[in-house]
Amino acid sequence: MTDMGLVIVGAAGRMGRTLIRTVTETEGVAVAGAIEREGSPFLGQDAGVVAGLPPLGIPVTDDPLPVFAKAQGVLDFTSPAATVGFAEIAAQARIVHVVGTTGLAPEDHAALDAAARHAVILQSGNMSLGVNLLAQLVRQAAKALDEDFDIEVLEMHHRHKVDAPSGTALMLGKAAAEGRDVDLNDHAVRVRDGITGPRPRGAIGFATLRGGSVIGDHSVMLSGEGEMITLSHHASDRALFARGAVKAALWARGRKPGRYSMADVLGFTD
């Protein structure tokens, strides 16, 4: 089988450059295109040079239509609005769309659902294999321990992150809710300030920290009377998200149109 041609959108951003480098280093895939926003100073530059590599002969462009038409997949860690637009184009081209974008609203997920009628959409709040294993462990722990154990999700990211709680924190909270067989929206507590009163039984709390250059730290604490279990993941290299995204794209190649997640890639949904 020929290499899977992958388009990197948001190619000049920190994650975009990491994706370009990761794709060039991984067997079975190749950079098929690089997309940036209209007016970007990187338009016309070689994608390899932008990523700190030798030239790849692929210019950065702001026109995704002809690039998607010649590719087999797209790697997308951009913004919700951009992701929805790319999903429509990926659906037209019938190619795999790997979505690592965070901060997606319900209407954004609805747009991805619509695109998934024609394309493979693989979306996750975190593309790390370790984080997705953590989510599975959280799900099992929440199922095994009843509401006598309070669940809190703590996350910290770099100062530039714009959404909170992080997509990963929400993914972990959802895993805990699924373990308890409850709706996260009905049990989540995202803000505590002032006189809050006692902690509601069965609540799933979130705490957000921001600072420095932290790539991503996440912990889920299950606190009972006289004991606490902490499940944690520490990300020290942004490339781990890129490697997970590439693995996801290779797994998704040839699948039927639909919505998938990293849990499918890791076999947790079989």
C-alpha atoms as a PDB file:
ATOM      1  CA  MET A   1       0.000   0.000   0.000  1.00  0.00           C
ATOM      2  CA  THR A   2       1.274   3.465  -0.846  1.00  0.00           C
ATOM      3  CA  ASP A   3       1.990   5.996   1.867  1.00  0.00           C
ATOM      4  CA  MET A   4      -1.059   7.772   3.269  1.00  0.00           C
ATOM      5  CA  GLY A   5      -0.936  11.397   2.175  1.00  0.00           C
ATOM      6  CA  LEU A   6      -1.779  13.685   5.097  1.00  0.00           C
ATOM      7  CA  VAL A   7      -2.614  17.389   5.015  1.00  0.00           C
ATOM      8  CA  ILE A   8      -1.560  19.450   8.022  1.00  0.00           C
ATOM      9  CA  VAL A   9      -3.859  22.400   8.724  1.00  0.00           C
ATOM     10  CA  GLY A  10      -2.626  25.213  10.925  1.00  0.00           C
ATOM     11  CA  ALA A  11       0.751  24.182   9.572  1.00  0.00           C
ATOM     12  CA  ALA A  12       2.763  27.117  10.929  1.00  0.00           C
ATOM     13  CA  GLY A  13       1.525  26.827  14.517  1.00  0.00           C
ATOM     14  CA  ARG A  14       3.376  24.986  17.253  1.00  0.00           C
ATOM     15  CA  MET A  15       1.308  21.843  16.794  1.00  0.00           C
ATOM     16  CA  GLY A  16       1.306  22.149  13.005  1.00  0.00           C
ATOM     17  CA  ARG A  17       5.095  22.211  12.850  1.00  0.00           C
ATOM     18  CA  THR A  18       5.275  19.250  15.201  1.00  0.00           C
ATOM     19  CA  LEU A  19       2.835  17.348  12.988  1.00  0.00           C
ATOM     20  CA  ILE A  20       4.913  18.036   9.874  1.00  0.00           C
ATOM     21  CA  ARG A  21       8.055  16.753  11.586  1.00  0.00           C
ATOM     22  CA  THR A  22       6.269  13.687  12.954  1.00  0.00           C
ATOM     23  CA  VAL A  23       4.731  12.746   9.600  1.00  0.00           C
ATOM     24  CA  THR A  24       8.116  12.982   7.856  1.00  0.00           C
ATOM     25  CA  GLU A  25       9.614  10.677  10.510  1.00  0.00           C
ATOM     26  CA  THR A  26       6.861   8.031  10.397  1.00  0.00           C
ATOM     27  CA  GLU A  27       6.701   5.107   7.983  1.00  0.00           C
ATOM     28  CA  GLY A  28       3.508   4.721   5.972  1.00  0.00           C
ATOM     29  CA  VAL A  29       2.597   8.412   5.836  1.00  0.00           C
ATOM     30  CA  ALA A  30       3.759  11.474   3.914  1.00  0.00           C
ATOM     31  CA  VAL A  31       3.009  15.193   3.987  1.00  0.00           C
ATOM     32  CA  ALA A  32       0.538  15.854   1.167  1.00  0.00           C
ATOM     33  CA  GLY A  33      -0.195  19.493   1.919  1.00  0.00           C
ATOM     34  CA  ALA A  34       0.099  22.326   4.420  1.00  0.00           C
ATOM     35  CA  ILE A  35      -2.684  24.840   5.072  1.00  0.00           C
ATOM     36  CA  GLU A  36      -2.563  28.198   6.834  1.00  0.00           C
ATOM     37  CA  ARG A  37      -5.115  30.953   7.309  1.00  0.00           C
ATOM     38  CA  GLU A  38      -5.612  33.671   4.721  1.00  0.00           C
ATOM     39  CA  GLY A  39      -3.063  36.434   5.184  1.00  0.00           C
ATOM     40  CA  SER A  40      -0.562  34.265   7.061  1.00  0.00           C
ATOM     41  CA  PRO A  41       3.049  35.412   6.570  1.00  0.00           C
ATOM     42  CA  PHE A  42       3.981  31.762   5.945  1.00  0.00           C
ATOM     43  CA  LEU A  43       1.929  31.419   2.751  1.00  0.00           C
ATOM     44  CA  GLY A  44       4.120  30.325  -0.140  1.00  0.00           C
ATOM     45  CA  GLN A  45       6.923  29.093   2.091  1.00  0.00           C
ATOM     46  CA  ASP A  46       8.018  25.457   1.960  1.00  0.00           C
ATOM     47  CA  ALA A  47       6.278  23.367   4.623  1.00  0.00           C
ATOM     48  CA  GLY A  48       9.492  21.580   5.530  1.00  0.00           C
ATOM     49  CA  VAL A  49      11.370  24.827   6.061  1.00  0.00           C
ATOM     50  CA  VAL A  50       8.534  26.193   8.198  1.00  0.00           C
ATOM     51  CA  ALA A  51       8.865  23.102  10.424  1.00  0.00           C
ATOM     52  CA  GLY A  52      12.655  23.419  10.638  1.00  0.00           C
ATOM     53  CA  LEU A  53      13.340  20.634   8.125  1.00  0.00           C
ATOM     54  CA  PRO A  54      14.921  20.501   4.677  1.00  0.00           C
ATOM     55  CA  PRO A  55      12.518  21.574   1.902  1.00  0.00           C
ATOM     56  CA  LEU A  56       9.712  19.132   1.128  1.00  0.00           C
ATOM     57  CA  GLY A  57       8.644  20.781  -2.106  1.00  0.00           C
ATOM     58  CA  ILE A  58       5.212  21.509  -0.609  1.00  0.00           C
ATOM     59  CA  PRO A  59       4.233  25.193  -0.364  1.00  0.00           C
ATOM     60  CA  VAL A  60       1.993  26.426   2.433  1.00  0.00           C
ATOM     61  CA  THR A  61      -1.347  27.538   0.974  1.00  0.00           C
ATOM     62  CA  ASP A  62      -4.638  28.983   2.173  1.00  0.00           C
ATOM     63  CA  ASP A  63      -6.745  27.016  -0.362  1.00  0.00           C
ATOM     64  CA  PRO A  64      -7.591  23.576   1.081  1.00  0.00           C
ATOM     65  CA  LEU A  65      -9.893  22.370  -1.721  1.00  0.00           C
ATOM     66  CA  PRO A  66      -7.283  21.166  -4.267  1.00  0.00           C
ATOM     67  CA  VAL A  67      -4.991  19.898  -1.499  1.00  0.00           C
ATOM     68  CA  PHE A  68      -7.687  17.813   0.213  1.00  0.00           C
ATOM     69  CA  ALA A  69      -8.730  16.379  -3.155  1.00  0.00           C
ATOM     70  CA  LYS A  70      -5.300  14.752  -3.599  1.00  0.00           C
ATOM     71  CA  ALA A  71      -4.849  13.491  -0.023  1.00  0.00           C
ATOM     72  CA  GLN A  72      -6.127  10.585   2.057  1.00  0.00           C
ATOM     73  CA  GLY A  73      -6.369  12.392   5.387  1.00  0.00           C
ATOM     74  CA  VAL A  74      -6.077  15.653   7.299  1.00  0.00           C
ATOM     75  CA  LEU A  75      -4.595  16.324  10.747  1.00  0.00           C
ATOM     76  CA  ASP A  76      -6.401  19.175  12.487  1.00  0.00           C
ATOM     77  CA  PHE A  77      -5.431  20.883  15.769  1.00  0.00           C
ATOM     78  CA  THR A  78      -6.818  24.322  14.933  1.00  0.00           C
ATOM     79  CA  SER A  79      -9.890  26.150  16.296  1.00  0.00           C
ATOM     80  CA  PRO A  80     -13.541  25.065  16.498  1.00  0.00           C
ATOM     81  CA  ALA A  81     -14.669  27.357  13.676  1.00  0.00           C
ATOM     82  CA  ALA A  82     -11.810  26.277  11.420  1.00  0.00           C
ATOM     83  CA  THR A  83     -12.360  22.604  12.228  1.00  0.00           C
ATOM     84  CA  VAL A  84     -16.028  22.770  11.224  1.00  0.00           C
ATOM     85  CA  GLY A  85     -15.025  24.284   7.884  1.00  0.00           C
ATOM     86  CA  PHE A  86     -12.359  21.663   7.308  1.00  0.00           C
ATOM     87  CA  ALA A  87     -14.826  18.904   8.200  1.00  0.00           C
ATOM     88  CA  GLU A  88     -17.135  20.016   5.394  1.00  0.00           C
ATOM     89  CA  ILE A  89     -14.278  19.944   2.879  1.00  0.00           C
ATOM     90  CA  ALA A  90     -13.007  16.576   4.150  1.00  0.00           C
ATOM     91  CA  ALA A  91     -16.515  15.175   3.743  1.00  0.00           C
ATOM     92  CA  GLN A  92     -16.637  16.410   0.160  1.00  0.00           C
ATOM     93  CA  ALA A  93     -13.260  14.804  -0.533  1.00  0.00           C
ATOM     94  CA  ARG A  94     -14.233  11.601   1.358  1.00  0.00           C
ATOM     95  CA  ILE A  95     -10.980  11.586   3.326  1.00  0.00           C
ATOM     96  CA  VAL A  96     -10.082  10.846   6.947  1.00  0.00           C
ATOM     97  CA  HIS A  97     -10.328  13.860   9.273  1.00  0.00           C
ATOM     98  CA  VAL A  98      -8.400  13.506  12.538  1.00  0.00           C
ATOM     99  CA  VAL A  99      -9.559  16.219  14.951  1.00  0.00           C
ATOM    100  CA  GLY A 100      -7.482  17.160  17.976  1.00  0.00           C
ATOM    101  CA  THR A 101      -9.084  20.599  18.297  1.00  0.00           C
ATOM    102  CA  THR A 102     -10.377  21.412  21.783  1.00  0.00           C
ATOM    103  CA  GLY A 103     -13.115  23.744  22.961  1.00  0.00           C
ATOM    104  CA  LEU A 104     -15.728  22.255  20.623  1.00  0.00           C
ATOM    105  CA  ALA A 105     -19.292  23.319  21.451  1.00  0.00           C
ATOM    106  CA  PRO A 106     -22.389  21.110  21.001  1.00  0.00           C
ATOM    107  CA  GLU A 107     -23.126  22.784  17.656  1.00  0.00           C
ATOM    108  CA  ASP A 108     -19.572  21.997  16.507  1.00  0.00           C
ATOM    109  CA  HIS A 109     -20.047  18.329  17.372  1.00  0.00           C
ATOM    110  CA  ALA A 110     -23.334  18.401  15.462  1.00  0.00           C
ATOM    111  CA  ALA A 111     -21.458  19.689  12.407  1.00  0.00           C
ATOM    112  CA  LEU A 112     -18.904  16.896  12.769  1.00  0.00           C
ATOM    113  CA  ASP A 113     -21.736  14.370  13.017  1.00  0.00           C
ATOM    114  CA  ALA A 114     -23.132  15.696   9.743  1.00  0.00           C
ATOM    115  CA  ALA A 115     -19.733  15.476   8.042  1.00  0.00           C
ATOM    116  CA  ALA A 116     -19.275  11.936   9.370  1.00  0.00           C
ATOM    117  CA  ARG A 117     -22.094  10.745   7.134  1.00  0.00           C
ATOM    118  CA  HIS A 118     -19.636  11.026   4.258  1.00  0.00           C
ATOM    119  CA  ALA A 119     -16.166  10.876   5.837  1.00  0.00           C
ATOM    120  CA  VAL A 120     -14.295   9.196   8.661  1.00  0.00           C
ATOM    121  CA  ILE A 121     -14.132  11.687  11.547  1.00  0.00           C
ATOM    122  CA  LEU A 122     -11.816  10.625  14.355  1.00  0.00           C
ATOM    123  CA  GLN A 123     -12.059  13.169  17.178  1.00  0.00           C
ATOM    124  CA  SER A 124     -10.591  13.145  20.657  1.00  0.00           C
ATOM    125  CA  GLY A 125     -10.000  15.693  23.381  1.00  0.00           C
ATOM    126  CA  ASN A 126      -6.484  14.292  23.576  1.00  0.00           C
ATOM    127  CA  MET A 127      -4.557  12.227  21.025  1.00  0.00           C
ATOM    128  CA  SER A 128      -2.087  10.832  23.571  1.00  0.00           C
ATOM    129  CA  LEU A 129      -2.229   7.054  23.869  1.00  0.00           C
ATOM    130  CA  GLY A 130      -1.407   7.380  27.569  1.00  0.00           C
ATOM    131  CA  VAL A 131      -4.232   9.832  28.256  1.00  0.00           C
ATOM    132  CA  ASN A 132      -6.729   7.587  26.524  1.00  0.00           C
ATOM    133  CA  LEU A 133      -5.538   4.671  28.628  1.00  0.00           C
ATOM    134  CA  LEU A 134      -5.961   6.949  31.675  1.00  0.00           C
ATOM    135  CA  ALA A 135      -9.558   7.648  30.640  1.00  0.00           C
ATOM    136  CA  GLN A 136     -10.243   3.925  30.534  1.00  0.00           C
ATOM    137  CA  LEU A 137      -8.772   3.492  34.027  1.00  0.00           C
ATOM    138  CA  VAL A 138     -10.862   6.413  35.318  1.00  0.00           C
ATOM    139  CA  ARG A 139     -13.993   4.846  33.858  1.00  0.00           C
ATOM    140  CA  GLN A 140     -13.246   1.542  35.595  1.00  0.00           C
ATOM    141  CA  ALA A 141     -12.360   3.186  38.920  1.00  0.00           C
ATOM    142  CA  ALA A 142     -15.521   5.318  38.940  1.00  0.00           C
ATOM    143  CA  LYS A 143     -17.587   2.226  38.215  1.00  0.00           C
ATOM    144  CA  ALA A 144     -15.953   0.241  41.015  1.00  0.00           C
ATOM    145  CA  LEU A 145     -16.206   2.997  43.653  1.00  0.00           C
ATOM    146  CA  ASP A 146     -19.603   4.387  44.613  1.00  0.00           C
ATOM    147  CA  GLU A 147     -20.507   7.980  45.499  1.00  0.00           C
ATOM    148  CA  ASP A 148     -18.786   7.674  48.873  1.00  0.00           C
ATOM    149  CA  PHE A 149     -15.726   8.540  46.750  1.00  0.00           C
ATOM    150  CA  ASP A 150     -15.717  12.142  45.506  1.00  0.00           C
ATOM    151  CA  ILE A 151     -14.263  12.707  42.028  1.00  0.00           C
ATOM    152  CA  GLU A 152     -12.144  15.756  41.199  1.00  0.00           C
ATOM    153  CA  VAL A 153     -10.341  16.471  37.900  1.00  0.00           C
ATOM    154  CA  LEU A 154      -7.298  18.748  38.076  1.00  0.00           C
ATOM    155  CA  GLU A 155      -5.516  20.068  34.976  1.00  0.00           C
ATOM    156  CA  MET A 156      -2.693  22.487  34.238  1.00  0.00           C
ATOM    157  CA  HIS A 157      -1.545  23.909  30.903  1.00  0.00           C
ATOM    158  CA  HIS A 158       0.683  26.664  29.540  1.00  0.00           C
ATOM    159  CA  ARG A 159      -0.326  30.301  29.823  1.00  0.00           C
ATOM    160  CA  HIS A 160      -1.388  30.531  26.150  1.00  0.00           C
ATOM    161  CA  LYS A 161      -4.190  27.953  26.308  1.00  0.00           C
ATOM    162  CA  VAL A 162      -7.523  29.647  25.618  1.00  0.00           C
ATOM    163  CA  ASP A 163     -10.161  27.100  26.706  1.00  0.00           C
ATOM    164  CA  ALA A 164     -10.942  25.791  30.183  1.00  0.00           C
ATOM    165  CA  PRO A 165     -11.421  23.182  31.417  1.00  0.00           C
ATOM    166  CA  SER A 166      -9.190  21.516  28.860  1.00  0.00           C
ATOM    167  CA  GLY A 167     -10.642  19.085  26.370  1.00  0.00           C
ATOM    168  CA  THR A 168      -8.706  16.340  28.121  1.00  0.00           C
ATOM    169  CA  ALA A 169     -10.137  17.255  31.524  1.00  0.00           C
ATOM    170  CA  LEU A 170     -13.645  17.119  30.087  1.00  0.00           C
ATOM    171  CA  MET A 171     -12.851  13.784  28.462  1.00  0.00           C
ATOM    172  CA  LEU A 172     -11.704  12.412  31.828  1.00  0.00           C
ATOM    173  CA  GLY A 173     -14.776  13.837  33.545  1.00  0.00           C
ATOM    174  CA  LYS A 174     -16.966  12.194  30.931  1.00  0.00           C
ATOM    175  CA  ALA A 175     -15.175   8.883  31.505  1.00  0.00           C
ATOM    176  CA  ALA A 176     -15.886   9.161  35.237  1.00  0.00           C
ATOM    177  CA  ALA A 177     -19.535   9.969  34.547  1.00  0.00           C
ATOM    178  CA  GLU A 178     -19.824   6.982  32.224  1.00  0.00           C
ATOM    179  CA  GLY A 179     -18.339   4.773  34.933  1.00  0.00           C
ATOM    180  CA  ARG A 180     -21.042   6.031  37.312  1.00  0.00           C
ATOM    181  CA  ASP A 181     -23.702   5.783  34.575  1.00  0.00           C
ATOM    182  CA  VAL A 182     -24.671   9.458  34.940  1.00  0.00           C
ATOM    183  CA  ASP A 183     -24.754  12.512  32.664  1.00  0.00           C
ATOM    184  CA  LEU A 184     -21.676  14.705  33.173  1.00  0.00           C
ATOM    185  CA  ASN A 185     -23.681  17.864  32.427  1.00  0.00           C
ATOM    186  CA  ASP A 186     -25.909  17.125  35.425  1.00  0.00           C
ATOM    187  CA  HIS A 187     -23.026  16.450  37.831  1.00  0.00           C
ATOM    188  CA  ALA A 188     -20.146  18.714  36.756  1.00  0.00           C
ATOM    189  CA  VAL A 189     -18.989  21.508  39.068  1.00  0.00           C
ATOM    190  CA  ARG A 190     -16.642  23.825  37.169  1.00  0.00           C
ATOM    191  CA  VAL A 191     -16.507  26.887  39.401  1.00  0.00           C
ATOM    192  CA  ARG A 192     -16.165  27.285  43.169  1.00  0.00           C
ATOM    193  CA  ASP A 193     -15.992  30.730  44.719  1.00  0.00           C
ATOM    194  CA  GLY A 194     -17.218  32.204  47.974  1.00  0.00           C
ATOM    195  CA  ILE A 195     -19.534  30.351  50.342  1.00  0.00           C
ATOM    196  CA  THR A 196     -20.303  27.266  48.277  1.00  0.00           C
ATOM    197  CA  GLY A 197     -21.850  25.040  50.930  1.00  0.00           C
ATOM    198  CA  PRO A 198     -21.055  21.346  51.307  1.00  0.00           C
ATOM    199  CA  ARG A 199     -19.889  19.385  48.291  1.00  0.00           C
ATOM    200  CA  PRO A 200     -22.888  17.753  46.548  1.00  0.00           C
ATOM    201  CA  ARG A 201     -22.808  13.983  46.728  1.00  0.00           C
ATOM    202  CA  GLY A 202     -21.967  12.527  43.337  1.00  0.00           C
ATOM    203  CA  ALA A 203     -20.539  15.762  41.919  1.00  0.00           C
ATOM    204  CA  ILE A 204     -17.608  15.637  39.492  1.00  0.00           C
ATOM    205  CA  GLY A 205     -15.449  18.675  40.134  1.00  0.00           C
ATOM    206  CA  PHE A 206     -13.003  20.457  37.853  1.00  0.00           C
ATOM    207  CA  ALA A 207     -10.048  22.665  38.770  1.00  0.00           C
ATOM    208  CA  THR A 208      -8.025  24.572  36.174  1.00  0.00           C
ATOM    209  CA  LEU A 209      -4.463  25.917  36.476  1.00  0.00           C
ATOM    210  CA  ARG A 210      -2.576  27.965  33.867  1.00  0.00           C
ATOM    211  CA  GLY A 211       1.057  29.052  33.763  1.00  0.00           C
ATOM    212  CA  GLY A 212       4.452  28.878  32.137  1.00  0.00           C
ATOM    213  CA  SER A 213       5.098  26.385  29.372  1.00  0.00           C
ATOM    214  CA  VAL A 214       3.362  23.310  30.839  1.00  0.00           C
ATOM    215  CA  ILE A 215       2.310  21.080  27.941  1.00  0.00           C
ATOM    216  CA  GLY A 216      -0.363  19.236  29.895  1.00  0.00           C
ATOM    217  CA  ASP A 217      -0.777  17.704  33.368  1.00  0.00           C
ATOM    218  CA  HIS A 218      -3.988  15.896  34.339  1.00  0.00           C
ATOM    219  CA  SER A 219      -4.999  14.115  37.531  1.00  0.00           C
ATOM    220  CA  VAL A 220      -8.245  12.472  38.589  1.00  0.00           C
ATOM    221  CA  MET A 221      -8.654  12.078  42.347  1.00  0.00           C
ATOM    222  CA  LEU A 222     -11.174   9.738  43.907  1.00  0.00           C
ATOM    223  CA  SER A 223     -11.375  10.735  47.584  1.00  0.00           C
ATOM    224  CA  GLY A 224     -13.078   8.570  50.183  1.00  0.00           C
ATOM    225  CA  GLU A 225     -13.063   8.543  53.977  1.00  0.00           C
ATOM    226  CA  GLY A 226      -9.435   8.055  55.013  1.00  0.00           C
ATOM    227  CA  GLU A 227      -8.073   7.262  51.557  1.00  0.00           C
ATOM    228  CA  MET A 228      -7.568   8.789  48.117  1.00  0.00           C
ATOM    229  CA  ILE A 229      -6.724   7.277  44.740  1.00  0.00           C
ATOM    230  CA  THR A 230      -4.973   9.529  42.206  1.00  0.00           C
ATOM    231  CA  LEU A 231      -4.692   8.645  38.519  1.00  0.00           C
ATOM    232  CA  SER A 232      -2.368  10.993  36.619  1.00  0.00           C
ATOM    233  CA  HIS A 233      -0.730  11.731  33.286  1.00  0.00           C
ATOM    234  CA  HIS A 234       2.131  14.151  32.598  1.00  0.00           C
ATOM    235  CA  ALA A 235       2.933  15.264  29.050  1.00  0.00           C
ATOM    236  CA  SER A 236       6.529  16.430  28.550  1.00  0.00           C
ATOM    237  CA  ASP A 237       6.690  16.434  24.743  1.00  0.00           C
ATOM    238  CA  ARG A 238       4.146  17.894  22.323  1.00  0.00           C
ATOM    239  CA  ALA A 239       5.184  15.237  19.790  1.00  0.00           C
ATOM    240  CA  LEU A 240       3.269  12.582  21.710  1.00  0.00           C
ATOM    241  CA  PHE A 241      -0.004  14.180  20.536  1.00  0.00           C
ATOM    242  CA  ALA A 242       1.275  14.232  16.958  1.00  0.00           C
ATOM    243  CA  ARG A 243       2.316  10.578  17.120  1.00  0.00           C
ATOM    244  CA  GLY A 244      -1.133   9.658  18.417  1.00  0.00           C
ATOM    245  CA  ALA A 245      -2.810  11.627  15.622  1.00  0.00           C
ATOM    246  CA  VAL A 246      -0.734   9.881  12.951  1.00  0.00           C
ATOM    247  CA  LYS A 247      -1.498   6.491  14.497  1.00  0.00           C
ATOM    248  CA  ALA A 248      -5.184   7.429  14.472  1.00  0.00           C
ATOM    249  CA  ALA A 249      -5.052   8.416  10.792  1.00  0.00           C
ATOM    250  CA  LEU A 250      -3.428   5.119   9.806  1.00  0.00           C
ATOM    251  CA  TRP A 251      -6.019   3.191  11.822  1.00  0.00           C
ATOM    252  CA  ALA A 252      -8.877   5.143  10.219  1.00  0.00           C
ATOM    253  CA  ARG A 253      -7.732   4.614   6.634  1.00  0.00           C
ATOM    254  CA  GLY A 254     -10.289   2.460   4.812  1.00  0.00           C
ATOM    255  CA  ARG A 255     -12.893   2.590   7.595  1.00  0.00           C
ATOM    256  CA  LYS A 256     -16.532   3.274   6.887  1.00  0.00           C
ATOM    257  CA  PRO A 257     -17.712   6.883   7.294  1.00  0.00           C
ATOM    258  CA  GLY A 258     -18.676   7.730  10.872  1.00  0.00           C
ATOM    259  CA  ARG A 259     -17.527   9.207  14.176  1.00  0.00           C
ATOM    260  CA  TYR A 260     -14.637   7.460  15.911  1.00  0.00           C
ATOM    261  CA  SER A 261     -12.353   8.198  18.861  1.00  0.00           C
ATOM    262  CA  MET A 262      -8.989   7.147  20.256  1.00  0.00           C
ATOM    263  CA  ALA A 263     -10.864   4.557  22.314  1.00  0.00           C
ATOM    264  CA  ASP A 264     -11.641   2.841  18.992  1.00  0.00           C
ATOM    265  CA  VAL A 265      -7.990   3.048  17.924  1.00  0.00           C
ATOM    266  CA  LEU A 266      -6.893   1.409  21.185  1.00  0.00           C
ATOM    267  CA  GLY A 267      -9.576  -1.261  20.989  1.00  0.00           C
ATOM    268  CA  PHE A 268     -11.479  -0.174  24.105  1.00  0.00           C
ATOM    269  CA  THR A 269     -14.821  -0.162  22.282  1.00  0.00           C
ATOM    270  CA  ASP A 270     -14.583  -3.665  20.836  1.00  0.00           C
END
